[in-house]
Amino acid sequence: MARNGLGSFNGGLSVNTTNGGLTRLTQFSITANTANIADVNIKTNGLLLYSDSKGGSTYLSNSVVWGNATDFDTKDISLSGSGIYLDHVHYGGITGSAPASNTNPGSGDPGFVAPGDPHLGNGSVLIDTGNPNPNGNISSWDVEGRTRVEGVAVDVGAYEWHDRVFADGFDQ
């Protein structure tokens, strides 16, 4: 998870896959990151993915990159290179060369509990919509240590949704 980051180039996460390397990223939530962007050609605050021409491959699955843009021209994701694959990725804006694969993309408001807080709220479009077998697999636990699959399928993002009203035994 990358949240509330501030950087001179990118406040979120940058991943460079080079020289035939392989990068697999799953279950990420990247939100509310900003950058002091001096270069007007670089307008990304959330996630930068780069794959070189020497066969590098980057897979991003079951992830949400949203709410990092500070203006209309700034995007949440910047892609550079042909070896980038997106699978069940929900994002605000995207820039750069089109990914080699973009399976089941999503965009728009993901339904966080609050802006900048990537916990999933009731009715979030990310609940039970992830790929159960992404390239890179999924963990048994979410970022807070809860069972990864709480409903009928894995959720998109770092947090697995659970019913907060009944989470602490309120229903007992």
N, C-alpha and C. Protein backbone atom coordinates (compact mmCIF):
# COMPACT_ATOMS: atom_id res chain seq x y z
N MET A 1 0.84 -1.16 0.00
CA MET A 1 0.00 0.00 0.00
C MET A 1 0.90 1.23 0.00
N ALA A 2 0.54 2.21 -0.79
CA ALA A 2 1.22 3.50 -0.79
C ALA A 2 0.14 4.56 -0.62
N ARG A 3 0.22 5.29 0.50
CA ARG A 3 -0.81 6.28 0.80
C ARG A 3 -0.19 7.51 1.42
N ASN A 4 -0.66 8.67 1.00
CA ASN A 4 -0.24 9.97 1.55
C ASN A 4 1.26 10.22 1.36
N GLY A 5 1.82 9.72 0.27
CA GLY A 5 3.23 9.96 -0.01
C GLY A 5 3.45 11.30 -0.68
N LEU A 6 4.63 11.85 -0.49
CA LEU A 6 5.01 13.10 -1.13
C LEU A 6 6.43 12.94 -1.63
N GLY A 7 6.65 13.19 -2.90
CA GLY A 7 7.98 13.06 -3.46
C GLY A 7 8.26 14.15 -4.46
N SER A 8 9.52 14.31 -4.79
CA SER A 8 9.87 15.34 -5.75
C SER A 8 9.53 14.91 -7.18
N PHE A 9 9.49 13.60 -7.44
CA PHE A 9 9.19 13.10 -8.77
C PHE A 9 7.85 12.37 -8.80
N ASN A 10 7.60 11.51 -7.80
CA ASN A 10 6.36 10.74 -7.70
C ASN A 10 6.15 10.43 -6.23
N GLY A 11 4.97 10.70 -5.73
CA GLY A 11 4.71 10.44 -4.32
C GLY A 11 4.30 9.02 -4.02
N GLY A 12 3.99 8.23 -5.04
CA GLY A 12 3.53 6.86 -4.85
C GLY A 12 4.63 5.84 -4.99
N LEU A 13 4.56 5.05 -6.06
CA LEU A 13 5.46 3.93 -6.28
C LEU A 13 5.98 3.96 -7.71
N SER A 14 7.28 3.73 -7.87
CA SER A 14 7.90 3.61 -9.19
C SER A 14 8.54 2.24 -9.30
N VAL A 15 8.28 1.54 -10.41
CA VAL A 15 8.83 0.21 -10.63
C VAL A 15 9.47 0.17 -12.01
N ASN A 16 10.76 -0.14 -12.06
CA ASN A 16 11.50 -0.28 -13.32
C ASN A 16 11.91 -1.74 -13.48
N THR A 17 11.45 -2.38 -14.54
CA THR A 17 11.82 -3.76 -14.83
C THR A 17 12.71 -3.75 -16.07
N THR A 18 13.97 -4.18 -15.90
CA THR A 18 14.95 -4.06 -16.98
C THR A 18 15.68 -5.37 -17.24
N ASN A 19 16.36 -5.43 -18.38
CA ASN A 19 17.25 -6.54 -18.75
C ASN A 19 16.61 -7.92 -18.64
N GLY A 20 15.39 -8.05 -19.13
CA GLY A 20 14.70 -9.34 -19.11
C GLY A 20 14.14 -9.73 -17.76
N GLY A 21 14.10 -8.79 -16.83
CA GLY A 21 13.60 -9.07 -15.49
C GLY A 21 12.09 -9.28 -15.46
N LEU A 22 11.60 -9.74 -14.33
CA LEU A 22 10.18 -10.03 -14.13
C LEU A 22 9.74 -9.43 -12.80
N THR A 23 8.69 -8.62 -12.84
CA THR A 23 8.11 -8.04 -11.63
C THR A 23 6.64 -8.40 -11.57
N ARG A 24 6.21 -8.93 -10.41
CA ARG A 24 4.80 -9.26 -10.20
C ARG A 24 4.30 -8.50 -8.98
N LEU A 25 3.27 -7.70 -9.17
CA LEU A 25 2.68 -6.90 -8.10
C LEU A 25 1.20 -7.26 -8.00
N THR A 26 0.75 -7.62 -6.80
CA THR A 26 -0.66 -7.93 -6.62
C THR A 26 -1.17 -7.28 -5.34
N GLN A 27 -2.47 -6.99 -5.34
CA GLN A 27 -3.21 -6.49 -4.17
C GLN A 27 -2.65 -5.17 -3.65
N PHE A 28 -2.36 -4.22 -4.52
CA PHE A 28 -1.88 -2.91 -4.10
C PHE A 28 -3.03 -1.91 -4.02
N SER A 29 -2.94 -0.98 -3.07
CA SER A 29 -3.81 0.19 -3.00
C SER A 29 -2.89 1.40 -2.97
N ILE A 30 -3.02 2.27 -3.96
CA ILE A 30 -2.17 3.45 -4.07
C ILE A 30 -3.08 4.66 -4.21
N THR A 31 -3.08 5.53 -3.18
CA THR A 31 -4.00 6.67 -3.18
C THR A 31 -3.43 7.84 -2.39
N ALA A 32 -3.92 9.03 -2.70
CA ALA A 32 -3.59 10.28 -1.99
C ALA A 32 -2.10 10.60 -1.98
N ASN A 33 -1.41 10.28 -3.07
CA ASN A 33 0.01 10.60 -3.20
C ASN A 33 0.17 11.82 -4.10
N THR A 34 1.14 12.65 -3.79
CA THR A 34 1.39 13.83 -4.61
C THR A 34 2.88 14.00 -4.85
N ALA A 35 3.20 14.75 -5.87
CA ALA A 35 4.59 15.02 -6.22
C ALA A 35 4.76 16.49 -6.52
N ASN A 36 5.93 17.00 -6.22
CA ASN A 36 6.30 18.35 -6.61
C ASN A 36 6.90 18.24 -8.01
N ILE A 37 6.06 18.20 -9.00
CA ILE A 37 6.48 17.91 -10.35
C ILE A 37 7.03 19.16 -11.01
N ALA A 38 8.34 19.16 -11.23
CA ALA A 38 8.99 20.28 -11.90
C ALA A 38 8.90 20.14 -13.41
N ASP A 39 8.93 18.93 -13.92
CA ASP A 39 8.88 18.65 -15.35
C ASP A 39 7.42 18.62 -15.79
N VAL A 40 7.02 19.54 -16.64
CA VAL A 40 5.62 19.62 -17.05
C VAL A 40 5.22 18.43 -17.92
N ASN A 41 6.19 17.65 -18.42
CA ASN A 41 5.87 16.47 -19.22
C ASN A 41 5.54 15.26 -18.36
N ILE A 42 5.84 15.31 -17.08
CA ILE A 42 5.57 14.21 -16.17
C ILE A 42 4.39 14.60 -15.31
N LYS A 43 3.28 13.95 -15.50
CA LYS A 43 2.07 14.29 -14.77
C LYS A 43 1.45 13.06 -14.15
N THR A 44 2.19 12.39 -13.25
CA THR A 44 1.70 11.19 -12.57
C THR A 44 2.02 11.31 -11.09
N ASN A 45 1.07 11.00 -10.24
CA ASN A 45 1.29 11.07 -8.80
C ASN A 45 1.22 9.71 -8.11
N GLY A 46 0.70 8.69 -8.73
CA GLY A 46 0.46 7.42 -8.05
C GLY A 46 1.43 6.30 -8.35
N LEU A 47 1.47 5.83 -9.60
CA LEU A 47 2.26 4.66 -9.95
C LEU A 47 2.93 4.86 -11.31
N LEU A 48 4.25 4.67 -11.33
CA LEU A 48 5.01 4.70 -12.58
C LEU A 48 5.53 3.30 -12.85
N LEU A 49 5.17 2.72 -14.01
CA LEU A 49 5.66 1.41 -14.40
C LEU A 49 6.49 1.54 -15.67
N TYR A 50 7.71 1.01 -15.63
CA TYR A 50 8.60 1.06 -16.79
C TYR A 50 9.12 -0.34 -17.07
N SER A 51 9.05 -0.72 -18.34
CA SER A 51 9.58 -2.00 -18.78
C SER A 51 10.43 -1.73 -20.01
N ASP A 52 11.70 -2.13 -19.99
CA ASP A 52 12.60 -1.78 -21.09
C ASP A 52 12.41 -2.67 -22.31
N SER A 53 13.13 -2.38 -23.37
CA SER A 53 12.99 -3.11 -24.63
C SER A 53 13.78 -4.42 -24.66
N LYS A 54 14.42 -4.79 -23.54
CA LYS A 54 15.22 -6.02 -23.47
C LYS A 54 14.43 -7.18 -22.87
N GLY A 55 13.13 -7.13 -22.98
CA GLY A 55 12.30 -8.25 -22.56
C GLY A 55 11.80 -8.20 -21.13
N GLY A 56 11.92 -7.08 -20.45
CA GLY A 56 11.39 -6.97 -19.09
C GLY A 56 9.87 -7.04 -19.09
N SER A 57 9.31 -7.69 -18.08
CA SER A 57 7.85 -7.83 -17.96
C SER A 57 7.40 -7.42 -16.57
N THR A 58 6.34 -6.63 -16.52
CA THR A 58 5.75 -6.20 -15.26
C THR A 58 4.27 -6.55 -15.27
N TYR A 59 3.82 -7.28 -14.23
CA TYR A 59 2.43 -7.66 -14.07
C TYR A 59 1.87 -6.94 -12.84
N LEU A 60 0.75 -6.24 -13.02
CA LEU A 60 0.04 -5.60 -11.92
C LEU A 60 -1.36 -6.17 -11.91
N SER A 61 -1.74 -6.79 -10.77
CA SER A 61 -3.03 -7.47 -10.69
C SER A 61 -3.78 -7.09 -9.41
N ASN A 62 -5.11 -7.14 -9.48
CA ASN A 62 -5.98 -6.95 -8.31
C ASN A 62 -5.61 -5.72 -7.51
N SER A 63 -5.38 -4.61 -8.19
CA SER A 63 -4.89 -3.40 -7.52
C SER A 63 -5.74 -2.19 -7.87
N VAL A 64 -5.71 -1.20 -6.98
CA VAL A 64 -6.42 0.06 -7.20
C VAL A 64 -5.42 1.20 -7.08
N VAL A 65 -5.41 2.06 -8.10
CA VAL A 65 -4.56 3.26 -8.13
C VAL A 65 -5.51 4.40 -8.46
N TRP A 66 -5.95 5.12 -7.44
CA TRP A 66 -7.01 6.10 -7.63
C TRP A 66 -6.88 7.21 -6.58
N GLY A 67 -7.24 8.42 -6.97
CA GLY A 67 -7.26 9.54 -6.02
C GLY A 67 -5.90 10.19 -5.82
N ASN A 68 -4.99 10.02 -6.77
CA ASN A 68 -3.66 10.64 -6.68
C ASN A 68 -3.58 11.90 -7.52
N ALA A 69 -4.47 12.08 -8.46
CA ALA A 69 -4.43 13.22 -9.37
C ALA A 69 -4.82 14.50 -8.65
N THR A 70 -4.05 15.55 -8.90
CA THR A 70 -4.32 16.84 -8.27
C THR A 70 -4.99 17.81 -9.22
N ASP A 71 -5.00 17.49 -10.50
CA ASP A 71 -5.68 18.31 -11.50
C ASP A 71 -6.05 17.43 -12.68
N PHE A 72 -6.74 18.00 -13.66
CA PHE A 72 -7.24 17.23 -14.79
C PHE A 72 -6.12 16.57 -15.59
N ASP A 73 -4.97 17.23 -15.72
CA ASP A 73 -3.86 16.71 -16.53
C ASP A 73 -3.04 15.64 -15.82
N THR A 74 -3.10 15.57 -14.50
CA THR A 74 -2.31 14.60 -13.75
C THR A 74 -3.03 13.25 -13.75
N LYS A 75 -2.26 12.19 -13.94
CA LYS A 75 -2.83 10.85 -14.01
C LYS A 75 -2.39 10.01 -12.81
N ASP A 76 -3.14 8.95 -12.53
CA ASP A 76 -2.82 8.04 -11.43
C ASP A 76 -1.74 7.03 -11.82
N ILE A 77 -1.73 6.60 -13.08
CA ILE A 77 -0.76 5.61 -13.55
C ILE A 77 -0.07 6.13 -14.81
N SER A 78 1.25 5.92 -14.87
CA SER A 78 2.02 6.19 -16.08
C SER A 78 2.71 4.90 -16.50
N LEU A 79 2.52 4.52 -17.77
CA LEU A 79 3.11 3.28 -18.29
C LEU A 79 4.11 3.62 -19.38
N SER A 80 5.25 2.93 -19.36
CA SER A 80 6.25 3.11 -20.39
C SER A 80 6.90 1.77 -20.70
N GLY A 81 6.74 1.31 -21.93
CA GLY A 81 7.30 0.02 -22.35
C GLY A 81 6.22 -0.94 -22.77
N SER A 82 6.62 -1.97 -23.52
CA SER A 82 5.63 -2.90 -24.08
C SER A 82 5.36 -4.11 -23.20
N GLY A 83 6.18 -4.36 -22.20
CA GLY A 83 6.02 -5.57 -21.39
C GLY A 83 5.23 -5.34 -20.12
N ILE A 84 4.18 -4.53 -20.18
CA ILE A 84 3.37 -4.23 -19.00
C ILE A 84 2.00 -4.87 -19.16
N TYR A 85 1.57 -5.60 -18.13
CA TYR A 85 0.31 -6.33 -18.16
C TYR A 85 -0.53 -5.93 -16.96
N LEU A 86 -1.76 -5.51 -17.20
CA LEU A 86 -2.68 -5.13 -16.14
C LEU A 86 -3.83 -6.14 -16.09
N ASP A 87 -4.19 -6.57 -14.88
CA ASP A 87 -5.25 -7.54 -14.70
C ASP A 87 -6.08 -7.15 -13.48
N HIS A 88 -7.32 -6.79 -13.70
CA HIS A 88 -8.22 -6.36 -12.62
C HIS A 88 -7.61 -5.17 -11.87
N VAL A 89 -7.24 -4.14 -12.62
CA VAL A 89 -6.67 -2.92 -12.04
C VAL A 89 -7.70 -1.80 -12.19
N HIS A 90 -8.01 -1.14 -11.08
CA HIS A 90 -8.95 -0.04 -11.04
C HIS A 90 -8.15 1.25 -10.89
N TYR A 91 -8.39 2.24 -11.76
CA TYR A 91 -7.59 3.45 -11.72
C TYR A 91 -8.41 4.67 -12.11
N GLY A 92 -7.85 5.83 -11.78
CA GLY A 92 -8.45 7.10 -12.20
C GLY A 92 -8.05 7.38 -13.63
N GLY A 93 -6.89 7.99 -13.81
CA GLY A 93 -6.40 8.30 -15.15
C GLY A 93 -5.12 7.54 -15.43
N ILE A 94 -4.90 7.26 -16.73
CA ILE A 94 -3.72 6.51 -17.14
C ILE A 94 -3.08 7.22 -18.33
N THR A 95 -1.76 7.20 -18.36
CA THR A 95 -1.04 7.81 -19.47
C THR A 95 0.12 6.90 -19.89
N GLY A 96 0.58 7.09 -21.09
CA GLY A 96 1.70 6.29 -21.59
C GLY A 96 1.25 5.29 -22.61
N SER A 97 2.20 4.44 -23.02
CA SER A 97 1.89 3.45 -24.04
C SER A 97 0.90 2.43 -23.51
N ALA A 98 0.01 2.00 -24.37
CA ALA A 98 -1.04 1.07 -23.95
C ALA A 98 -0.41 -0.24 -23.48
N PRO A 99 -0.93 -0.82 -22.40
CA PRO A 99 -0.36 -2.08 -21.91
C PRO A 99 -0.60 -3.22 -22.89
N ALA A 100 0.29 -4.20 -22.85
CA ALA A 100 0.15 -5.38 -23.70
C ALA A 100 -1.16 -6.11 -23.39
N SER A 101 -1.58 -6.04 -22.15
CA SER A 101 -2.82 -6.67 -21.74
C SER A 101 -3.47 -5.78 -20.68
N ASN A 102 -4.77 -5.63 -20.74
CA ASN A 102 -5.51 -4.86 -19.74
C ASN A 102 -6.82 -5.59 -19.52
N THR A 103 -6.77 -6.65 -18.70
CA THR A 103 -7.91 -7.52 -18.46
C THR A 103 -8.80 -6.96 -17.37
N ASN A 104 -10.07 -6.81 -17.65
CA ASN A 104 -11.08 -6.34 -16.69
C ASN A 104 -10.67 -5.05 -15.97
N PRO A 105 -10.39 -3.98 -16.73
CA PRO A 105 -10.03 -2.72 -16.07
C PRO A 105 -11.26 -2.07 -15.44
N GLY A 106 -11.01 -1.19 -14.50
CA GLY A 106 -12.07 -0.42 -13.89
C GLY A 106 -11.63 1.01 -13.72
N SER A 107 -12.58 1.93 -13.67
CA SER A 107 -12.24 3.32 -13.44
C SER A 107 -13.40 3.99 -12.72
N GLY A 108 -13.16 5.19 -12.27
CA GLY A 108 -14.18 5.91 -11.52
C GLY A 108 -14.00 5.69 -10.03
N ASP A 109 -14.92 6.22 -9.26
CA ASP A 109 -14.84 6.14 -7.80
C ASP A 109 -14.87 4.69 -7.34
N PRO A 110 -13.82 4.23 -6.63
CA PRO A 110 -13.78 2.83 -6.19
C PRO A 110 -14.64 2.53 -4.97
N GLY A 111 -15.13 3.57 -4.29
CA GLY A 111 -15.95 3.34 -3.11
C GLY A 111 -15.16 3.14 -1.84
N PHE A 112 -14.07 3.93 -1.68
CA PHE A 112 -13.32 3.92 -0.42
C PHE A 112 -14.20 4.47 0.69
N VAL A 113 -13.87 4.16 1.96
CA VAL A 113 -14.66 4.69 3.07
C VAL A 113 -14.53 6.20 3.17
N ALA A 114 -13.40 6.75 2.70
CA ALA A 114 -13.19 8.20 2.69
C ALA A 114 -12.08 8.51 1.69
N PRO A 115 -12.04 9.72 1.14
CA PRO A 115 -10.94 10.07 0.24
C PRO A 115 -9.58 9.86 0.93
N GLY A 116 -8.68 9.16 0.25
CA GLY A 116 -7.36 8.91 0.81
C GLY A 116 -7.29 7.73 1.76
N ASP A 117 -8.42 7.12 2.10
CA ASP A 117 -8.45 5.94 2.96
C ASP A 117 -8.89 4.74 2.13
N PRO A 118 -7.96 3.86 1.75
CA PRO A 118 -8.30 2.79 0.82
C PRO A 118 -9.05 1.59 1.39
N HIS A 119 -9.55 1.69 2.63
CA HIS A 119 -10.46 0.64 3.11
C HIS A 119 -11.71 0.70 2.23
N LEU A 120 -12.26 -0.44 1.90
CA LEU A 120 -13.42 -0.49 1.03
C LEU A 120 -14.69 -0.23 1.82
N GLY A 121 -15.54 0.63 1.30
CA GLY A 121 -16.81 0.94 1.93
C GLY A 121 -17.90 0.00 1.46
N ASN A 122 -19.04 0.01 2.15
CA ASN A 122 -20.19 -0.79 1.72
C ASN A 122 -20.54 -0.44 0.28
N GLY A 123 -20.73 -1.43 -0.54
CA GLY A 123 -21.11 -1.19 -1.92
C GLY A 123 -19.96 -0.85 -2.86
N SER A 124 -18.72 -0.94 -2.41
CA SER A 124 -17.58 -0.65 -3.28
C SER A 124 -17.58 -1.57 -4.50
N VAL A 125 -17.25 -1.02 -5.66
CA VAL A 125 -17.18 -1.82 -6.88
C VAL A 125 -16.00 -2.78 -6.86
N LEU A 126 -15.12 -2.68 -5.87
CA LEU A 126 -13.94 -3.54 -5.78
C LEU A 126 -14.17 -4.81 -4.97
N ILE A 127 -15.30 -4.90 -4.28
CA ILE A 127 -15.60 -6.06 -3.45
C ILE A 127 -15.93 -7.27 -4.33
N ASP A 128 -15.24 -8.38 -4.06
CA ASP A 128 -15.47 -9.65 -4.75
C ASP A 128 -15.29 -9.59 -6.27
N THR A 129 -14.42 -8.69 -6.76
CA THR A 129 -14.26 -8.55 -8.21
C THR A 129 -12.84 -8.83 -8.68
N GLY A 130 -11.96 -9.35 -7.83
CA GLY A 130 -10.59 -9.62 -8.20
C GLY A 130 -10.42 -10.96 -8.91
N ASN A 131 -9.25 -11.12 -9.50
CA ASN A 131 -8.89 -12.38 -10.15
C ASN A 131 -8.39 -13.34 -9.06
N PRO A 132 -8.98 -14.53 -8.91
CA PRO A 132 -8.55 -15.44 -7.86
C PRO A 132 -7.19 -16.08 -8.12
N ASN A 133 -6.71 -16.01 -9.36
CA ASN A 133 -5.43 -16.61 -9.72
C ASN A 133 -4.58 -15.66 -10.57
N PRO A 134 -4.21 -14.50 -10.02
CA PRO A 134 -3.43 -13.55 -10.81
C PRO A 134 -1.98 -14.00 -10.99
N ASN A 135 -1.31 -13.45 -11.97
CA ASN A 135 0.11 -13.71 -12.16
C ASN A 135 0.83 -13.16 -10.94
N GLY A 136 1.41 -14.02 -10.14
CA GLY A 136 2.03 -13.60 -8.89
C GLY A 136 1.28 -14.09 -7.67
N ASN A 137 0.10 -14.72 -7.89
CA ASN A 137 -0.71 -15.28 -6.81
C ASN A 137 -1.25 -14.22 -5.86
N ILE A 138 -2.04 -14.64 -4.89
CA ILE A 138 -2.54 -13.76 -3.84
C ILE A 138 -2.10 -14.31 -2.50
N SER A 139 -2.02 -13.43 -1.55
CA SER A 139 -1.65 -13.81 -0.19
C SER A 139 -2.87 -14.39 0.52
N SER A 140 -2.62 -15.08 1.61
CA SER A 140 -3.73 -15.60 2.43
C SER A 140 -4.34 -14.52 3.29
N TRP A 141 -3.62 -13.38 3.45
CA TRP A 141 -4.04 -12.32 4.37
C TRP A 141 -3.98 -10.97 3.67
N ASP A 142 -4.84 -10.04 4.09
CA ASP A 142 -4.75 -8.69 3.55
C ASP A 142 -3.72 -7.90 4.37
N VAL A 143 -3.59 -6.63 4.10
CA VAL A 143 -2.56 -5.80 4.72
C VAL A 143 -2.76 -5.65 6.23
N GLU A 144 -3.97 -5.88 6.73
CA GLU A 144 -4.24 -5.79 8.16
C GLU A 144 -4.32 -7.16 8.84
N GLY A 145 -4.02 -8.22 8.10
CA GLY A 145 -3.99 -9.55 8.70
C GLY A 145 -5.31 -10.29 8.69
N ARG A 146 -6.30 -9.76 7.97
CA ARG A 146 -7.58 -10.47 7.85
C ARG A 146 -7.48 -11.49 6.71
N THR A 147 -8.30 -12.52 6.76
CA THR A 147 -8.35 -13.51 5.70
C THR A 147 -8.58 -12.81 4.37
N ARG A 148 -7.80 -13.19 3.37
CA ARG A 148 -7.86 -12.49 2.08
C ARG A 148 -9.21 -12.63 1.40
N VAL A 149 -9.85 -13.75 1.41
CA VAL A 149 -11.15 -13.89 0.75
C VAL A 149 -12.23 -13.96 1.82
N GLU A 150 -12.97 -12.87 2.00
CA GLU A 150 -14.04 -12.79 3.00
C GLU A 150 -15.42 -13.04 2.40
N GLY A 151 -15.54 -12.85 1.10
CA GLY A 151 -16.83 -13.04 0.43
C GLY A 151 -16.74 -14.17 -0.58
N VAL A 152 -17.40 -13.98 -1.71
CA VAL A 152 -17.41 -15.02 -2.74
C VAL A 152 -16.15 -15.01 -3.59
N ALA A 153 -15.39 -13.92 -3.57
CA ALA A 153 -14.16 -13.81 -4.36
C ALA A 153 -13.22 -12.82 -3.69
N VAL A 154 -12.00 -12.77 -4.17
CA VAL A 154 -11.01 -11.85 -3.65
C VAL A 154 -11.38 -10.41 -4.03
N ASP A 155 -11.11 -9.47 -3.14
CA ASP A 155 -11.35 -8.06 -3.43
C ASP A 155 -10.15 -7.46 -4.15
N VAL A 156 -10.36 -6.37 -4.85
CA VAL A 156 -9.29 -5.62 -5.49
C VAL A 156 -8.71 -4.64 -4.48
N GLY A 157 -7.39 -4.60 -4.37
CA GLY A 157 -6.72 -3.67 -3.46
C GLY A 157 -6.08 -4.38 -2.28
N ALA A 158 -5.45 -3.60 -1.42
CA ALA A 158 -4.71 -4.14 -0.28
C ALA A 158 -5.61 -4.60 0.86
N TYR A 159 -6.84 -4.09 0.90
CA TYR A 159 -7.76 -4.41 2.00
C TYR A 159 -8.88 -5.30 1.52
N GLU A 160 -9.17 -6.33 2.29
CA GLU A 160 -10.34 -7.17 2.04
C GLU A 160 -11.50 -6.56 2.83
N TRP A 161 -12.62 -6.34 2.16
CA TRP A 161 -13.77 -5.75 2.83
C TRP A 161 -14.36 -6.72 3.82
N HIS A 162 -14.79 -6.19 4.95
CA HIS A 162 -15.55 -6.99 5.90
C HIS A 162 -16.61 -6.10 6.50
N ASP A 163 -17.67 -6.69 6.95
CA ASP A 163 -18.79 -5.93 7.51
C ASP A 163 -18.37 -5.33 8.84
N ARG A 164 -18.13 -4.04 8.86
CA ARG A 164 -17.62 -3.37 10.05
C ARG A 164 -18.63 -3.36 11.20
N VAL A 165 -19.92 -3.39 10.89
CA VAL A 165 -20.94 -3.39 11.95
C VAL A 165 -20.82 -4.67 12.78
N PHE A 166 -20.59 -5.79 12.13
CA PHE A 166 -20.55 -7.07 12.83
C PHE A 166 -19.13 -7.58 13.08
N ALA A 167 -18.13 -6.80 12.74
CA ALA A 167 -16.74 -7.25 12.83
C ALA A 167 -16.28 -7.51 14.26
N ASP A 168 -16.78 -6.80 15.23
CA ASP A 168 -16.32 -6.95 16.61
C ASP A 168 -17.33 -7.64 17.51
N GLY A 169 -18.17 -8.49 16.93
CA GLY A 169 -19.13 -9.25 17.72
C GLY A 169 -20.40 -8.49 18.05
N PHE A 170 -20.66 -7.39 17.39
CA PHE A 170 -21.86 -6.59 17.64
C PHE A 170 -23.12 -7.42 17.43
N ASP A 171 -23.02 -8.43 16.56
CA ASP A 171 -24.18 -9.25 16.26
C ASP A 171 -24.45 -10.32 17.32
N GLN A 172 -23.59 -10.45 18.31
CA GLN A 172 -23.72 -11.48 19.34
C GLN A 172 -24.79 -11.11 20.34
